[in-house]
Amino acid sequence: MDKKLLAIFLIVVFWGSVSWAFPAFGPGDLGFGPPPRRGPSAEEMMGKITKDLGLTPEQKEKILADVKKVELEAKTLQDQNKGLLDSIEKELLKETPRREMILGSIKKINENNTQIQIGRIDQIIRMRQELTPEQRAKLDKIMKERKERSEKRREKFRRKNPNK
């Protein structure tokens, strides 16, 4: 019985640390795992960007195809991360969990998260290359406003949750 309690305790502690260390893998609506998607779909995003930046149909088609490709690659890596987290959970339930296996999985999760971010940055760079100077200036303004809104939300969250 004590081993079960210890295993449960370790899982709870591990989940909390993973949620803190890898916020993209915090609790979702149905329990542990990636949170539900909060942002707009690629098509919704492109509709707004097309309108805001005045993209031509050719620009929209090229950029949307690239966004979808990057989203698919990110989804594949996120699915791998979910499998890795599941294997860590199973390993922690064993009589003698293998630390090396757990650390290897955590390193792979970090590598996958890095690849996701690199893919998104590369996509933004490719998109900017498709834009005219006027469109890039509009995009810069949109990104600045988005960053400011995000910082305000984070600050509001920190005030409500001072221990986070």
C-alpha atoms as a PDB file:
ATOM      1  CA  MET A   1       0.000   0.000   0.000  1.00  0.00           C
ATOM      2  CA  ASP A   2       2.828   2.410   0.828  1.00  0.00           C
ATOM      3  CA  LYS A   3       4.351   1.862  -2.624  1.00  0.00           C
ATOM      4  CA  LYS A   4       1.070   2.833  -4.271  1.00  0.00           C
ATOM      5  CA  LEU A   5       0.910   6.021  -2.228  1.00  0.00           C
ATOM      6  CA  LEU A   6       4.514   6.808  -3.088  1.00  0.00           C
ATOM      7  CA  ALA A   7       3.826   6.219  -6.785  1.00  0.00           C
ATOM      8  CA  ILE A   8       0.765   8.464  -6.697  1.00  0.00           C
ATOM      9  CA  PHE A   9       2.719  11.139  -4.858  1.00  0.00           C
ATOM     10  CA  LEU A  10       5.543  10.985  -7.420  1.00  0.00           C
ATOM     11  CA  ILE A  11       3.108  11.231 -10.311  1.00  0.00           C
ATOM     12  CA  VAL A  12       1.392  14.259  -8.793  1.00  0.00           C
ATOM     13  CA  VAL A  13       4.746  15.946  -8.126  1.00  0.00           C
ATOM     14  CA  PHE A  14       5.988  15.073 -11.613  1.00  0.00           C
ATOM     15  CA  TRP A  15       2.830  16.363 -13.306  1.00  0.00           C
ATOM     16  CA  GLY A  16       3.103  19.601 -11.413  1.00  0.00           C
ATOM     17  CA  SER A  17       6.739  20.020 -12.379  1.00  0.00           C
ATOM     18  CA  VAL A  18       6.043  19.186 -16.027  1.00  0.00           C
ATOM     19  CA  SER A  19       3.153  21.673 -16.068  1.00  0.00           C
ATOM     20  CA  TRP A  20       5.476  24.309 -14.670  1.00  0.00           C
ATOM     21  CA  ALA A  21       8.495  23.445 -16.842  1.00  0.00           C
ATOM     22  CA  PHE A  22       6.533  22.777 -20.030  1.00  0.00           C
ATOM     23  CA  PRO A  23       3.437  24.974 -19.907  1.00  0.00           C
ATOM     24  CA  ALA A  24       2.298  23.673 -23.301  1.00  0.00           C
ATOM     25  CA  PHE A  25       1.730  20.337 -21.601  1.00  0.00           C
ATOM     26  CA  GLY A  26      -0.273  21.428 -18.611  1.00  0.00           C
ATOM     27  CA  PRO A  27      -3.705  20.192 -17.701  1.00  0.00           C
ATOM     28  CA  GLY A  28      -6.254  20.314 -20.489  1.00  0.00           C
ATOM     29  CA  ASP A  29     -10.013  20.155 -20.146  1.00  0.00           C
ATOM     30  CA  LEU A  30      -9.960  16.354 -19.919  1.00  0.00           C
ATOM     31  CA  GLY A  31      -7.003  15.929 -17.596  1.00  0.00           C
ATOM     32  CA  PHE A  32      -3.275  15.867 -18.137  1.00  0.00           C
ATOM     33  CA  GLY A  33      -2.005  16.588 -21.602  1.00  0.00           C
ATOM     34  CA  PRO A  34      -1.828  19.415 -24.080  1.00  0.00           C
ATOM     35  CA  PRO A  35      -4.350  22.154 -23.368  1.00  0.00           C
ATOM     36  CA  PRO A  36      -7.238  22.620 -25.759  1.00  0.00           C
ATOM     37  CA  ARG A  37      -6.434  24.792 -28.756  1.00  0.00           C
ATOM     38  CA  ARG A  38      -7.256  28.373 -27.873  1.00  0.00           C
ATOM     39  CA  GLY A  39      -6.164  30.239 -30.962  1.00  0.00           C
ATOM     40  CA  PRO A  40      -7.804  30.597 -34.339  1.00  0.00           C
ATOM     41  CA  SER A  41      -7.424  27.964 -37.041  1.00  0.00           C
ATOM     42  CA  ALA A  42      -5.010  28.603 -39.910  1.00  0.00           C
ATOM     43  CA  GLU A  43      -7.943  29.591 -42.137  1.00  0.00           C
ATOM     44  CA  GLU A  44      -9.362  32.001 -39.545  1.00  0.00           C
ATOM     45  CA  MET A  45      -5.942  33.518 -38.986  1.00  0.00           C
ATOM     46  CA  MET A  46      -5.350  33.895 -42.701  1.00  0.00           C
ATOM     47  CA  GLY A  47      -8.747  35.537 -43.159  1.00  0.00           C
ATOM     48  CA  LYS A  48      -7.823  38.179 -40.599  1.00  0.00           C
ATOM     49  CA  ILE A  49      -4.281  38.624 -41.920  1.00  0.00           C
ATOM     50  CA  THR A  50      -5.524  38.794 -45.514  1.00  0.00           C
ATOM     51  CA  LYS A  51      -7.912  41.553 -44.534  1.00  0.00           C
ATOM     52  CA  ASP A  52      -5.527  43.418 -42.226  1.00  0.00           C
ATOM     53  CA  LEU A  53      -2.512  43.256 -44.539  1.00  0.00           C
ATOM     54  CA  GLY A  54      -4.337  43.373 -47.858  1.00  0.00           C
ATOM     55  CA  LEU A  55      -2.772  40.154 -49.145  1.00  0.00           C
ATOM     56  CA  THR A  56      -3.170  39.206 -52.771  1.00  0.00           C
ATOM     57  CA  PRO A  57      -4.773  35.828 -53.515  1.00  0.00           C
ATOM     58  CA  GLU A  58      -1.322  34.507 -54.495  1.00  0.00           C
ATOM     59  CA  GLN A  59       0.243  35.673 -51.227  1.00  0.00           C
ATOM     60  CA  LYS A  60      -2.628  34.220 -49.225  1.00  0.00           C
ATOM     61  CA  GLU A  61      -2.380  30.839 -50.958  1.00  0.00           C
ATOM     62  CA  LYS A  62       1.390  30.565 -50.509  1.00  0.00           C
ATOM     63  CA  ILE A  63       1.378  31.721 -46.873  1.00  0.00           C
ATOM     64  CA  LEU A  64      -1.613  29.531 -45.917  1.00  0.00           C
ATOM     65  CA  ALA A  65       0.058  26.435 -47.391  1.00  0.00           C
ATOM     66  CA  ASP A  66       3.183  27.190 -45.347  1.00  0.00           C
ATOM     67  CA  VAL A  67       1.179  27.791 -42.152  1.00  0.00           C
ATOM     68  CA  LYS A  68      -0.660  24.486 -42.603  1.00  0.00           C
ATOM     69  CA  LYS A  69       2.643  22.649 -43.182  1.00  0.00           C
ATOM     70  CA  VAL A  70       4.168  24.110 -40.012  1.00  0.00           C
ATOM     71  CA  GLU A  71       0.990  23.329 -38.024  1.00  0.00           C
ATOM     72  CA  LEU A  72       1.098  19.703 -39.189  1.00  0.00           C
ATOM     73  CA  GLU A  73       4.769  19.367 -38.229  1.00  0.00           C
ATOM     74  CA  ALA A  74       4.044  20.910 -34.811  1.00  0.00           C
ATOM     75  CA  LYS A  75       1.082  18.565 -34.288  1.00  0.00           C
ATOM     76  CA  THR A  76       3.288  15.552 -35.063  1.00  0.00           C
ATOM     77  CA  LEU A  77       5.875  16.678 -32.507  1.00  0.00           C
ATOM     78  CA  GLN A  78       3.178  17.460 -29.922  1.00  0.00           C
ATOM     79  CA  ASP A  79       1.766  13.950 -30.408  1.00  0.00           C
ATOM     80  CA  GLN A  80       5.265  12.525 -29.857  1.00  0.00           C
ATOM     81  CA  ASN A  81       5.518  14.575 -26.674  1.00  0.00           C
ATOM     82  CA  LYS A  82       2.214  13.189 -25.442  1.00  0.00           C
ATOM     83  CA  GLY A  83       3.523   9.656 -25.996  1.00  0.00           C
ATOM     84  CA  LEU A  84       6.714  10.532 -24.139  1.00  0.00           C
ATOM     85  CA  LEU A  85       4.743  11.953 -21.223  1.00  0.00           C
ATOM     86  CA  ASP A  86       2.633   8.784 -21.129  1.00  0.00           C
ATOM     87  CA  SER A  87       5.787   6.648 -21.043  1.00  0.00           C
ATOM     88  CA  ILE A  88       7.195   8.774 -18.204  1.00  0.00           C
ATOM     89  CA  GLU A  89       3.968   8.299 -16.262  1.00  0.00           C
ATOM     90  CA  LYS A  90       4.146   4.514 -16.753  1.00  0.00           C
ATOM     91  CA  GLU A  91       7.793   4.450 -15.769  1.00  0.00           C
ATOM     92  CA  LEU A  92       7.073   6.318 -12.539  1.00  0.00           C
ATOM     93  CA  LEU A  93       4.520   3.675 -11.597  1.00  0.00           C
ATOM     94  CA  LYS A  94       7.125   0.910 -11.753  1.00  0.00           C
ATOM     95  CA  GLU A  95       8.702  -0.612  -8.661  1.00  0.00           C
ATOM     96  CA  THR A  96      12.052   0.924  -9.625  1.00  0.00           C
ATOM     97  CA  PRO A  97      11.643   3.693 -12.199  1.00  0.00           C
ATOM     98  CA  ARG A  98      14.588   4.149 -14.556  1.00  0.00           C
ATOM     99  CA  ARG A  99      15.834   7.691 -14.098  1.00  0.00           C
ATOM    100  CA  GLU A 100      17.828   7.574 -17.370  1.00  0.00           C
ATOM    101  CA  MET A 101      14.693   6.721 -19.342  1.00  0.00           C
ATOM    102  CA  ILE A 102      12.745   9.559 -17.735  1.00  0.00           C
ATOM    103  CA  LEU A 103      15.540  12.089 -18.313  1.00  0.00           C
ATOM    104  CA  GLY A 104      15.915  10.931 -21.916  1.00  0.00           C
ATOM    105  CA  SER A 105      12.193  11.471 -22.486  1.00  0.00           C
ATOM    106  CA  ILE A 106      12.347  14.935 -20.929  1.00  0.00           C
ATOM    107  CA  LYS A 107      15.296  15.839 -23.181  1.00  0.00           C
ATOM    108  CA  LYS A 108      13.382  14.619 -26.246  1.00  0.00           C
ATOM    109  CA  ILE A 109      10.355  16.707 -25.214  1.00  0.00           C
ATOM    110  CA  ASN A 110      12.639  19.754 -24.981  1.00  0.00           C
ATOM    111  CA  GLU A 111      14.108  18.988 -28.421  1.00  0.00           C
ATOM    112  CA  ASN A 112      10.619  18.645 -29.903  1.00  0.00           C
ATOM    113  CA  ASN A 113       9.489  21.924 -28.316  1.00  0.00           C
ATOM    114  CA  THR A 114      12.580  23.634 -29.734  1.00  0.00           C
ATOM    115  CA  GLN A 115      11.805  22.241 -33.203  1.00  0.00           C
ATOM    116  CA  ILE A 116       8.232  23.526 -32.944  1.00  0.00           C
ATOM    117  CA  GLN A 117       9.459  27.033 -32.085  1.00  0.00           C
ATOM    118  CA  ILE A 118      12.096  26.983 -34.851  1.00  0.00           C
ATOM    119  CA  GLY A 119       9.433  25.918 -37.356  1.00  0.00           C
ATOM    120  CA  ARG A 120       7.175  28.781 -36.301  1.00  0.00           C
ATOM    121  CA  ILE A 121       9.993  31.339 -36.468  1.00  0.00           C
ATOM    122  CA  ASP A 122      11.051  30.072 -39.923  1.00  0.00           C
ATOM    123  CA  GLN A 123       7.435  30.322 -41.083  1.00  0.00           C
ATOM    124  CA  ILE A 124       7.246  33.950 -39.933  1.00  0.00           C
ATOM    125  CA  ILE A 125      10.499  34.725 -41.766  1.00  0.00           C
ATOM    126  CA  ARG A 126       9.200  33.090 -44.971  1.00  0.00           C
ATOM    127  CA  MET A 127       5.912  34.993 -44.637  1.00  0.00           C
ATOM    128  CA  ARG A 128       7.718  38.299 -44.220  1.00  0.00           C
ATOM    129  CA  GLN A 129       9.662  37.607 -47.427  1.00  0.00           C
ATOM    130  CA  GLU A 130       6.350  37.358 -49.307  1.00  0.00           C
ATOM    131  CA  LEU A 131       5.122  40.731 -48.057  1.00  0.00           C
ATOM    132  CA  THR A 132       5.614  44.171 -49.535  1.00  0.00           C
ATOM    133  CA  PRO A 133       7.338  46.787 -47.348  1.00  0.00           C
ATOM    134  CA  GLU A 134       3.929  48.331 -46.533  1.00  0.00           C
ATOM    135  CA  GLN A 135       2.504  44.941 -45.560  1.00  0.00           C
ATOM    136  CA  ARG A 136       5.547  44.219 -43.359  1.00  0.00           C
ATOM    137  CA  ALA A 137       5.025  47.539 -41.559  1.00  0.00           C
ATOM    138  CA  LYS A 138       1.366  46.621 -40.927  1.00  0.00           C
ATOM    139  CA  LEU A 139       2.438  43.166 -39.712  1.00  0.00           C
ATOM    140  CA  ASP A 140       4.975  44.714 -37.346  1.00  0.00           C
ATOM    141  CA  LYS A 141       2.231  46.910 -35.878  1.00  0.00           C
ATOM    142  CA  ILE A 142      -0.112  43.899 -35.474  1.00  0.00           C
ATOM    143  CA  MET A 143       2.633  41.850 -33.782  1.00  0.00           C
ATOM    144  CA  LYS A 144       3.486  44.720 -31.433  1.00  0.00           C
ATOM    145  CA  GLU A 145      -0.177  45.129 -30.438  1.00  0.00           C
ATOM    146  CA  ARG A 146      -0.499  41.359 -29.931  1.00  0.00           C
ATOM    147  CA  LYS A 147       2.584  41.333 -27.694  1.00  0.00           C
ATOM    148  CA  GLU A 148       1.211  44.192 -25.612  1.00  0.00           C
ATOM    149  CA  ARG A 149      -2.152  42.397 -25.154  1.00  0.00           C
ATOM    150  CA  SER A 150      -0.322  39.206 -24.193  1.00  0.00           C
ATOM    151  CA  GLU A 151       1.811  41.038 -21.623  1.00  0.00           C
ATOM    152  CA  LYS A 152      -1.296  42.634 -20.128  1.00  0.00           C
ATOM    153  CA  ARG A 153      -2.963  39.207 -19.805  1.00  0.00           C
ATOM    154  CA  ARG A 154       0.170  37.754 -18.187  1.00  0.00           C
ATOM    155  CA  GLU A 155       0.374  40.656 -15.740  1.00  0.00           C
ATOM    156  CA  LYS A 156      -3.308  40.273 -14.873  1.00  0.00           C
ATOM    157  CA  PHE A 157      -2.755  36.538 -14.293  1.00  0.00           C
ATOM    158  CA  ARG A 158       0.281  37.226 -12.080  1.00  0.00           C
ATOM    159  CA  ARG A 159      -1.698  39.652  -9.947  1.00  0.00           C
ATOM    160  CA  LYS A 160      -4.463  37.072  -9.471  1.00  0.00           C
ATOM    161  CA  ASN A 161      -1.970  34.233  -8.883  1.00  0.00           C
ATOM    162  CA  PRO A 162       1.081  35.699  -7.105  1.00  0.00           C
ATOM    163  CA  ASN A 163       2.644  32.273  -6.471  1.00  0.00           C
ATOM    164  CA  LYS A 164       2.800  31.333 -10.176  1.00  0.00           C
END
